[in-house]
PDB file of N, CA and C in Angstrom:
ATOM      1  N   MET A   1      14.573  12.344  24.786  1.00  0.00           N
ATOM      2  CA  MET A   1      14.173  11.322  23.298  1.00  0.00           C
ATOM      3  C   MET A   1      13.117  11.472  23.328  1.00  0.00           C
ATOM      4  N   HIS A   2      12.799  11.059  21.522  1.00  0.00           N
ATOM      5  CA  HIS A   2      11.483  11.377  21.187  1.00  0.00           C
ATOM      6  C   HIS A   2      11.345  10.013  20.783  1.00  0.00           C
ATOM      7  N   GLN A   3      10.085   9.904  21.314  1.00  0.00           N
ATOM      8  CA  GLN A   3       9.614   8.225  21.026  1.00  0.00           C
ATOM      9  C   GLN A   3       8.509   7.850  19.871  1.00  0.00           C
ATOM     10  N   ILE A   4       8.864   6.873  18.429  1.00  0.00           N
ATOM     11  CA  ILE A   4       8.070   7.140  17.509  1.00  0.00           C
ATOM     12  C   ILE A   4       7.233   6.178  17.382  1.00  0.00           C
ATOM     13  N   LYS A   5       5.821   6.716  17.404  1.00  0.00           N
ATOM     14  CA  LYS A   5       4.610   6.051  17.055  1.00  0.00           C
ATOM     15  C   LYS A   5       4.506   5.365  16.433  1.00  0.00           C
ATOM     16  N   TYR A   6       4.006   3.401  15.741  1.00  0.00           N
ATOM     17  CA  TYR A   6       3.301   3.502  14.778  1.00  0.00           C
ATOM     18  C   TYR A   6       2.374   3.236  14.716  1.00  0.00           C
ATOM     19  N   ALA A   7       1.621   3.221  13.639  1.00  0.00           N
ATOM     20  CA  ALA A   7       0.183   2.895  13.793  1.00  0.00           C
ATOM     21  C   ALA A   7      -0.132   1.633  12.809  1.00  0.00           C
ATOM     22  N   MET A   8      -0.621   0.730  13.546  1.00  0.00           N
ATOM     23  CA  MET A   8      -0.718  -0.801  12.901  1.00  0.00           C
ATOM     24  C   MET A   8      -1.638  -0.165  11.687  1.00  0.00           C
ATOM     25  N   ALA A   9      -1.090  -1.254  10.458  1.00  0.00           N
ATOM     26  CA  ALA A   9      -2.565  -0.774   9.051  1.00  0.00           C
ATOM     27  C   ALA A   9      -3.527  -1.462   9.643  1.00  0.00           C
ATOM     28  N   ASN A  10      -4.372  -1.018   8.846  1.00  0.00           N
ATOM     29  CA  ASN A  10      -5.913  -1.236   9.090  1.00  0.00           C
ATOM     30  C   ASN A  10      -6.659  -2.210   7.922  1.00  0.00           C
ATOM     31  N   PHE A  11      -6.026  -3.181   7.602  1.00  0.00           N
ATOM     32  CA  PHE A  11      -5.920  -4.203   6.452  1.00  0.00           C
ATOM     33  C   PHE A  11      -5.382  -5.757   6.673  1.00  0.00           C
ATOM     34  N   GLN A  12      -5.502  -6.781   5.982  1.00  0.00           N
ATOM     35  CA  GLN A  12      -4.965  -7.395   5.832  1.00  0.00           C
ATOM     36  C   GLN A  12      -4.129  -7.957   4.566  1.00  0.00           C
ATOM     37  N   LEU A  13      -2.822  -8.335   3.783  1.00  0.00           N
ATOM     38  CA  LEU A  13      -2.601  -8.540   2.399  1.00  0.00           C
ATOM     39  C   LEU A  13      -2.183  -9.927   2.570  1.00  0.00           C
ATOM     40  N   THR A  14      -3.370 -10.769   1.341  1.00  0.00           N
ATOM     41  CA  THR A  14      -2.032 -12.174   0.831  1.00  0.00           C
ATOM     42  C   THR A  14      -1.074 -11.376  -0.213  1.00  0.00           C
ATOM     43  N   SER A  15      -0.509 -12.226  -0.292  1.00  0.00           N
ATOM     44  CA  SER A  15       0.368 -12.707  -1.686  1.00  0.00           C
ATOM     45  C   SER A  15      -0.536 -11.843  -2.316  1.00  0.00           C
ATOM     46  N   GLU A  16      -1.631 -13.048  -2.554  1.00  0.00           N
ATOM     47  CA  GLU A  16      -2.491 -12.587  -4.356  1.00  0.00           C
ATOM     48  C   GLU A  16      -2.992 -11.129  -3.951  1.00  0.00           C
ATOM     49  N   THR A  17      -3.717 -10.714  -3.224  1.00  0.00           N
ATOM     50  CA  THR A  17      -4.133  -9.255  -2.844  1.00  0.00           C
ATOM     51  C   THR A  17      -2.672  -8.234  -2.746  1.00  0.00           C
ATOM     52  N   ALA A  18      -2.019  -8.897  -2.484  1.00  0.00           N
ATOM     53  CA  ALA A  18      -0.914  -7.745  -2.447  1.00  0.00           C
ATOM     54  C   ALA A  18      -0.251  -7.935  -3.698  1.00  0.00           C
ATOM     55  N   PHE A  19      -0.667  -8.123  -4.559  1.00  0.00           N
ATOM     56  CA  PHE A  19      -0.118  -8.126  -5.849  1.00  0.00           C
ATOM     57  C   PHE A  19      -0.990  -7.515  -6.686  1.00  0.00           C
ATOM     58  N   LYS A  20      -2.525  -7.947  -6.110  1.00  0.00           N
ATOM     59  CA  LYS A  20      -3.538  -6.907  -6.770  1.00  0.00           C
ATOM     60  C   LYS A  20      -3.806  -5.095  -6.876  1.00  0.00           C
ATOM     61  N   VAL A  21      -3.206  -4.879  -5.079  1.00  0.00           N
ATOM     62  CA  VAL A  21      -3.100  -3.394  -5.316  1.00  0.00           C
ATOM     63  C   VAL A  21      -1.616  -3.153  -5.514  1.00  0.00           C
ATOM     64  N   LYS A  22      -0.830  -4.199  -5.358  1.00  0.00           N
ATOM     65  CA  LYS A  22       0.551  -3.010  -6.492  1.00  0.00           C
ATOM     66  C   LYS A  22       0.470  -2.976  -7.884  1.00  0.00           C
ATOM     67  N   THR A  23      -0.709  -4.027  -8.971  1.00  0.00           N
ATOM     68  CA  THR A  23      -0.762  -3.303  -9.275  1.00  0.00           C
ATOM     69  C   THR A  23      -1.670  -2.336  -9.964  1.00  0.00           C
ATOM     70  N   LYS A  24      -2.810  -1.851  -9.279  1.00  0.00           N
ATOM     71  CA  LYS A  24      -3.551  -1.118  -8.812  1.00  0.00           C
ATOM     72  C   LYS A  24      -2.507   0.108  -9.077  1.00  0.00           C
ATOM     73  N   PHE A  25      -1.899   0.502  -7.750  1.00  0.00           N
ATOM     74  CA  PHE A  25      -1.169   1.591  -7.290  1.00  0.00           C
ATOM     75  C   PHE A  25       0.037   2.114  -8.854  1.00  0.00           C
ATOM     76  N   LEU A  26       0.646   0.203  -9.290  1.00  0.00           N
ATOM     77  CA  LEU A  26       1.408   1.206 -10.641  1.00  0.00           C
ATOM     78  C   LEU A  26       0.611   1.341 -11.666  1.00  0.00           C
ATOM     79  N   ARG A  27      -1.079   1.302 -12.208  1.00  0.00           N
ATOM     80  CA  ARG A  27      -1.687   1.722 -12.807  1.00  0.00           C
ATOM     81  C   ARG A  27      -2.020   3.399 -12.718  1.00  0.00           C
ATOM     82  N   LYS A  28      -2.241   3.676 -11.509  1.00  0.00           N
ATOM     83  CA  LYS A  28      -2.224   5.545 -10.531  1.00  0.00           C
ATOM     84  C   LYS A  28      -0.700   5.919 -10.344  1.00  0.00           C
ATOM     85  N   TYR A  29      -0.111   5.158 -10.051  1.00  0.00           N
ATOM     86  CA  TYR A  29       1.025   6.385 -10.004  1.00  0.00           C
ATOM     87  C   TYR A  29       2.260   4.918 -10.867  1.00  0.00           C
ATOM     88  N   ARG A  30       2.720   5.354 -12.212  1.00  0.00           N
ATOM     89  CA  ARG A  30       3.567   4.680 -12.692  1.00  0.00           C
ATOM     90  C   ARG A  30       4.610   4.720 -13.070  1.00  0.00           C
ATOM     91  N   ASP A  31       5.421   5.799 -11.933  1.00  0.00           N
ATOM     92  CA  ASP A  31       6.562   5.907 -11.693  1.00  0.00           C
ATOM     93  C   ASP A  31       7.212   5.526 -10.473  1.00  0.00           C
ATOM     94  N   LEU A  32       6.247   4.552 -10.132  1.00  0.00           N
ATOM     95  CA  LEU A  32       7.117   3.049  -8.948  1.00  0.00           C
ATOM     96  C   LEU A  32       7.066   1.715  -9.758  1.00  0.00           C
ATOM     97  N   ALA A  33       7.336   2.198 -11.067  1.00  0.00           N
ATOM     98  CA  ALA A  33       7.689   0.927 -11.444  1.00  0.00           C
ATOM     99  C   ALA A  33       9.089   0.697 -11.158  1.00  0.00           C
ATOM    100  N   SER A  34       9.425   1.428 -11.193  1.00  0.00           N
ATOM    101  CA  SER A  34      10.382   1.306 -11.248  1.00  0.00           C
ATOM    102  C   SER A  34      11.413   1.062  -9.157  1.00  0.00           C
ATOM    103  N   GLU A  35      10.429   0.839  -8.978  1.00  0.00           N
ATOM    104  CA  GLU A  35      10.868   1.570  -6.667  1.00  0.00           C
ATOM    105  C   GLU A  35      10.233  -0.486  -6.714  1.00  0.00           C
ATOM    106  N   PRO A  36      11.510  -0.954  -5.860  1.00  0.00           N
ATOM    107  CA  PRO A  36      10.990  -1.974  -5.134  1.00  0.00           C
ATOM    108  C   PRO A  36      10.452  -1.924  -4.836  1.00  0.00           C
ATOM    109  N   LEU A  37       8.607  -2.960  -4.869  1.00  0.00           N
ATOM    110  CA  LEU A  37       7.655  -3.148  -3.520  1.00  0.00           C
ATOM    111  C   LEU A  37       7.430  -4.303  -3.275  1.00  0.00           C
ATOM    112  N   ASP A  38       8.390  -4.446  -2.667  1.00  0.00           N
ATOM    113  CA  ASP A  38       8.335  -6.207  -2.149  1.00  0.00           C
ATOM    114  C   ASP A  38       7.333  -6.100  -0.852  1.00  0.00           C
ATOM    115  N   PHE A  39       6.440  -6.744  -0.686  1.00  0.00           N
ATOM    116  CA  PHE A  39       6.319  -7.235   0.562  1.00  0.00           C
ATOM    117  C   PHE A  39       5.430  -8.579   0.836  1.00  0.00           C
ATOM    118  N   THR A  40       5.594  -8.850   1.613  1.00  0.00           N
ATOM    119  CA  THR A  40       5.779  -9.777   2.942  1.00  0.00           C
ATOM    120  C   THR A  40       4.378 -10.260   3.624  1.00  0.00           C
ATOM    121  N   PRO A  41       3.530 -11.457   4.148  1.00  0.00           N
ATOM    122  CA  PRO A  41       2.638 -11.151   4.856  1.00  0.00           C
ATOM    123  C   PRO A  41       3.054 -11.195   6.091  1.00  0.00           C
ATOM    124  N   GLY A  42       2.301  -9.854   7.100  1.00  0.00           N
ATOM    125  CA  GLY A  42       2.482  -9.759   7.951  1.00  0.00           C
ATOM    126  C   GLY A  42       2.941  -8.469   7.707  1.00  0.00           C
ATOM    127  N   LYS A  43       3.566  -7.762   7.121  1.00  0.00           N
ATOM    128  CA  LYS A  43       4.268  -6.251   6.920  1.00  0.00           C
ATOM    129  C   LYS A  43       3.345  -5.459   6.164  1.00  0.00           C
ATOM    130  N   GLU A  44       2.430  -5.655   6.420  1.00  0.00           N
ATOM    131  CA  GLU A  44       1.167  -3.916   5.825  1.00  0.00           C
ATOM    132  C   GLU A  44       2.238  -3.363   6.340  1.00  0.00           C
ATOM    133  N   ASP A  45       1.860  -2.869   7.456  1.00  0.00           N
ATOM    134  CA  ASP A  45       2.376  -1.505   8.275  1.00  0.00           C
ATOM    135  C   ASP A  45       3.959  -0.924   7.548  1.00  0.00           C
ATOM    136  N   GLN A  46       4.641  -1.826   6.929  1.00  0.00           N
ATOM    137  CA  GLN A  46       5.891  -1.117   5.701  1.00  0.00           C
ATOM    138  C   GLN A  46       5.850  -0.582   4.579  1.00  0.00           C
ATOM    139  N   LEU A  47       4.898  -2.018   3.684  1.00  0.00           N
ATOM    140  CA  LEU A  47       4.173  -1.616   2.687  1.00  0.00           C
ATOM    141  C   LEU A  47       3.317  -0.154   3.034  1.00  0.00           C
ATOM    142  N   VAL A  48       2.879   0.193   4.395  1.00  0.00           N
ATOM    143  CA  VAL A  48       2.164   1.542   3.907  1.00  0.00           C
ATOM    144  C   VAL A  48       3.130   3.148   4.079  1.00  0.00           C
ATOM    145  N   GLU A  49       4.385   1.790   4.660  1.00  0.00           N
ATOM    146  CA  GLU A  49       5.379   3.356   5.157  1.00  0.00           C
ATOM    147  C   GLU A  49       5.941   3.352   3.866  1.00  0.00           C
ATOM    148  N   ASP A  50       6.259   2.649   2.994  1.00  0.00           N
ATOM    149  CA  ASP A  50       7.076   2.320   1.860  1.00  0.00           C
ATOM    150  C   ASP A  50       6.429   3.502   0.696  1.00  0.00           C
ATOM    151  N   LEU A  51       4.904   2.726   0.753  1.00  0.00           N
ATOM    152  CA  LEU A  51       3.962   3.991   0.004  1.00  0.00           C
ATOM    153  C   LEU A  51       3.459   5.489   0.590  1.00  0.00           C
ATOM    154  N   MET A  52       4.306   5.390   1.367  1.00  0.00           N
ATOM    155  CA  MET A  52       3.784   7.007   1.714  1.00  0.00           C
ATOM    156  C   MET A  52       4.408   7.797   1.367  1.00  0.00           C
ATOM    157  N   ARG A  53       6.370   7.394   1.825  1.00  0.00           N
ATOM    158  CA  ARG A  53       7.765   7.734   1.027  1.00  0.00           C
ATOM    159  C   ARG A  53       7.245   7.715  -0.113  1.00  0.00           C
ATOM    160  N   LEU A  54       6.936   6.858  -1.151  1.00  0.00           N
ATOM    161  CA  LEU A  54       6.984   7.074  -2.300  1.00  0.00           C
ATOM    162  C   LEU A  54       5.349   7.759  -3.097  1.00  0.00           C
ATOM    163  N   VAL A  55       5.108   7.960  -2.818  1.00  0.00           N
ATOM    164  CA  VAL A  55       3.995   8.654  -3.436  1.00  0.00           C
ATOM    165  C   VAL A  55       3.173   9.418  -2.249  1.00  0.00           C
ATOM    166  N   LYS A  56       4.407   9.916  -1.914  1.00  0.00           N
ATOM    167  CA  LYS A  56       4.379  11.716  -0.801  1.00  0.00           C
ATOM    168  C   LYS A  56       2.982  11.745  -0.395  1.00  0.00           C
ATOM    169  N   ARG A  57       2.476  10.697   0.297  1.00  0.00           N
ATOM    170  CA  ARG A  57       0.734  10.956   0.629  1.00  0.00           C
ATOM    171  C   ARG A  57       0.791  10.422   2.281  1.00  0.00           C
ATOM    172  N   ASP A  58      -0.182  11.072   3.370  1.00  0.00           N
ATOM    173  CA  ASP A  58      -0.339  10.917   4.269  1.00  0.00           C
ATOM    174  C   ASP A  58      -1.198   9.468   4.429  1.00  0.00           C
ATOM    175  N   ARG A  59      -0.560   8.400   5.898  1.00  0.00           N
ATOM    176  CA  ARG A  59      -1.147   7.025   5.886  1.00  0.00           C
ATOM    177  C   ARG A  59      -2.577   6.959   5.398  1.00  0.00           C
ATOM    178  N   THR A  60      -2.938   8.402   6.405  1.00  0.00           N
ATOM    179  CA  THR A  60      -4.240   7.604   6.151  1.00  0.00           C
ATOM    180  C   THR A  60      -5.353   7.500   4.487  1.00  0.00           C
ATOM    181  N   TYR A  61      -4.301   8.640   3.776  1.00  0.00           N
ATOM    182  CA  TYR A  61      -4.851   8.475   2.232  1.00  0.00           C
ATOM    183  C   TYR A  61      -4.454   7.290   1.517  1.00  0.00           C
ATOM    184  N   ILE A  62      -3.534   6.216   2.302  1.00  0.00           N
ATOM    185  CA  ILE A  62      -2.309   5.200   1.271  1.00  0.00           C
ATOM    186  C   ILE A  62      -3.412   4.002   2.134  1.00  0.00           C
ATOM    187  N   GLU A  63      -4.094   4.127   3.122  1.00  0.00           N
ATOM    188  CA  GLU A  63      -4.368   2.912   3.612  1.00  0.00           C
ATOM    189  C   GLU A  63      -5.924   2.850   3.490  1.00  0.00           C
ATOM    190  N   PHE A  64      -6.562   4.664   3.062  1.00  0.00           N
ATOM    191  CA  PHE A  64      -7.896   4.112   1.905  1.00  0.00           C
ATOM    192  C   PHE A  64      -7.600   3.937   1.184  1.00  0.00           C
ATOM    193  N   THR A  65      -7.063   4.101   0.173  1.00  0.00           N
ATOM    194  CA  THR A  65      -6.456   3.683  -1.663  1.00  0.00           C
ATOM    195  C   THR A  65      -6.347   2.420  -1.331  1.00  0.00           C
ATOM    196  N   ILE A  66      -5.383   1.922  -0.346  1.00  0.00           N
ATOM    197  CA  ILE A  66      -5.489   0.010  -0.200  1.00  0.00           C
ATOM    198  C   ILE A  66      -6.424  -0.375  -0.125  1.00  0.00           C
ATOM    199  N   GLN A  67      -7.099  -0.441   1.052  1.00  0.00           N
ATOM    200  CA  GLN A  67      -8.927  -0.224   0.815  1.00  0.00           C
ATOM    201  C   GLN A  67      -9.936  -0.879   0.221  1.00  0.00           C
ATOM    202  N   LYS A  68      -9.935   0.536  -1.059  1.00  0.00           N
ATOM    203  CA  LYS A  68     -10.445   0.959  -2.255  1.00  0.00           C
ATOM    204  C   LYS A  68     -10.272  -0.255  -3.165  1.00  0.00           C
ATOM    205  N   ALA A  69      -9.321  -0.281  -2.780  1.00  0.00           N
ATOM    206  CA  ALA A  69      -8.174  -1.180  -4.151  1.00  0.00           C
ATOM    207  C   ALA A  69      -9.017  -3.173  -3.608  1.00  0.00           C
ATOM    208  N   LEU A  70      -8.987  -3.205  -1.972  1.00  0.00           N
ATOM    209  CA  LEU A  70      -9.459  -4.332  -1.853  1.00  0.00           C
ATOM    210  C   LEU A  70     -11.030  -5.203  -2.254  1.00  0.00           C
ATOM    211  N   ALA A  71     -11.474  -3.422  -2.207  1.00  0.00           N
ATOM    212  CA  ALA A  71     -12.977  -3.598  -2.096  1.00  0.00           C
ATOM    213  C   ALA A  71     -13.448  -4.135  -3.421  1.00  0.00           C
ATOM    214  N   ASP A  72     -12.930  -4.469  -4.791  1.00  0.00           N
ATOM    215  CA  ASP A  72     -13.227  -4.385  -5.886  1.00  0.00           C
ATOM    216  C   ASP A  72     -12.245  -5.045  -6.039  1.00  0.00           C
ATOM    217  N   THR A  73     -11.102  -6.149  -5.523  1.00  0.00           N
ATOM    218  CA  THR A  73      -9.941  -6.935  -6.567  1.00  0.00           C
ATOM    219  C   THR A  73     -10.352  -7.421  -6.979  1.00  0.00           C
ATOM    220  N   LYS A  74     -11.269  -7.778  -8.847  1.00  0.00           N
ATOM    221  CA  LYS A  74     -11.350  -8.088  -9.792  1.00  0.00           C
ATOM    222  C   LYS A  74     -11.466  -6.595 -10.752  1.00  0.00           C
ATOM    223  N   GLY A  75     -11.800  -5.474  -9.990  1.00  0.00           N
ATOM    224  CA  GLY A  75     -11.955  -4.148 -10.880  1.00  0.00           C
ATOM    225  C   GLY A  75     -10.569  -4.121 -11.522  1.00  0.00           C
ATOM    226  N   ASN A  76     -10.071  -2.650 -12.417  1.00  0.00           N
ATOM    227  CA  ASN A  76      -9.158  -2.789 -12.467  1.00  0.00           C
ATOM    228  C   ASN A  76      -9.071  -0.742 -11.592  1.00  0.00           C
ATOM    229  N   ARG A  77     -10.174  -0.603 -10.936  1.00  0.00           N
ATOM    230  CA  ARG A  77     -10.198   0.653 -10.933  1.00  0.00           C
ATOM    231  C   ARG A  77      -9.572   0.989  -9.597  1.00  0.00           C
ATOM    232  N   LEU A  78      -8.810   2.412  -9.547  1.00  0.00           N
ATOM    233  CA  LEU A  78      -7.964   2.307  -7.464  1.00  0.00           C
ATOM    234  C   LEU A  78      -8.592   3.372  -7.380  1.00  0.00           C
TER     235      LEU A  78
END
C-alpha cells in the first residue's frame, strides 16, 4: 500500500487575494476561463492541486507563481 504525502501550501489566501491570484492566472492561462477555480479559505492545497492539473506544472512552479502574484496584488503582471 502506498502512502500519499501531501505538502502544505507555503502561502495563505483570503477571499480577496484569491480573487486577485485567480485573475492573474486567467490572464496568463486564458483557457482556464472555462474551468471552475473555486477557492475556500484554508483550502490552499486544493487550489494548488487544481492548478497543477489544469496547467500541467509542478507544485514548485504553481506556488512560486502564486507567491509572485501575491507580492504585487495591485499590479497586473504575474
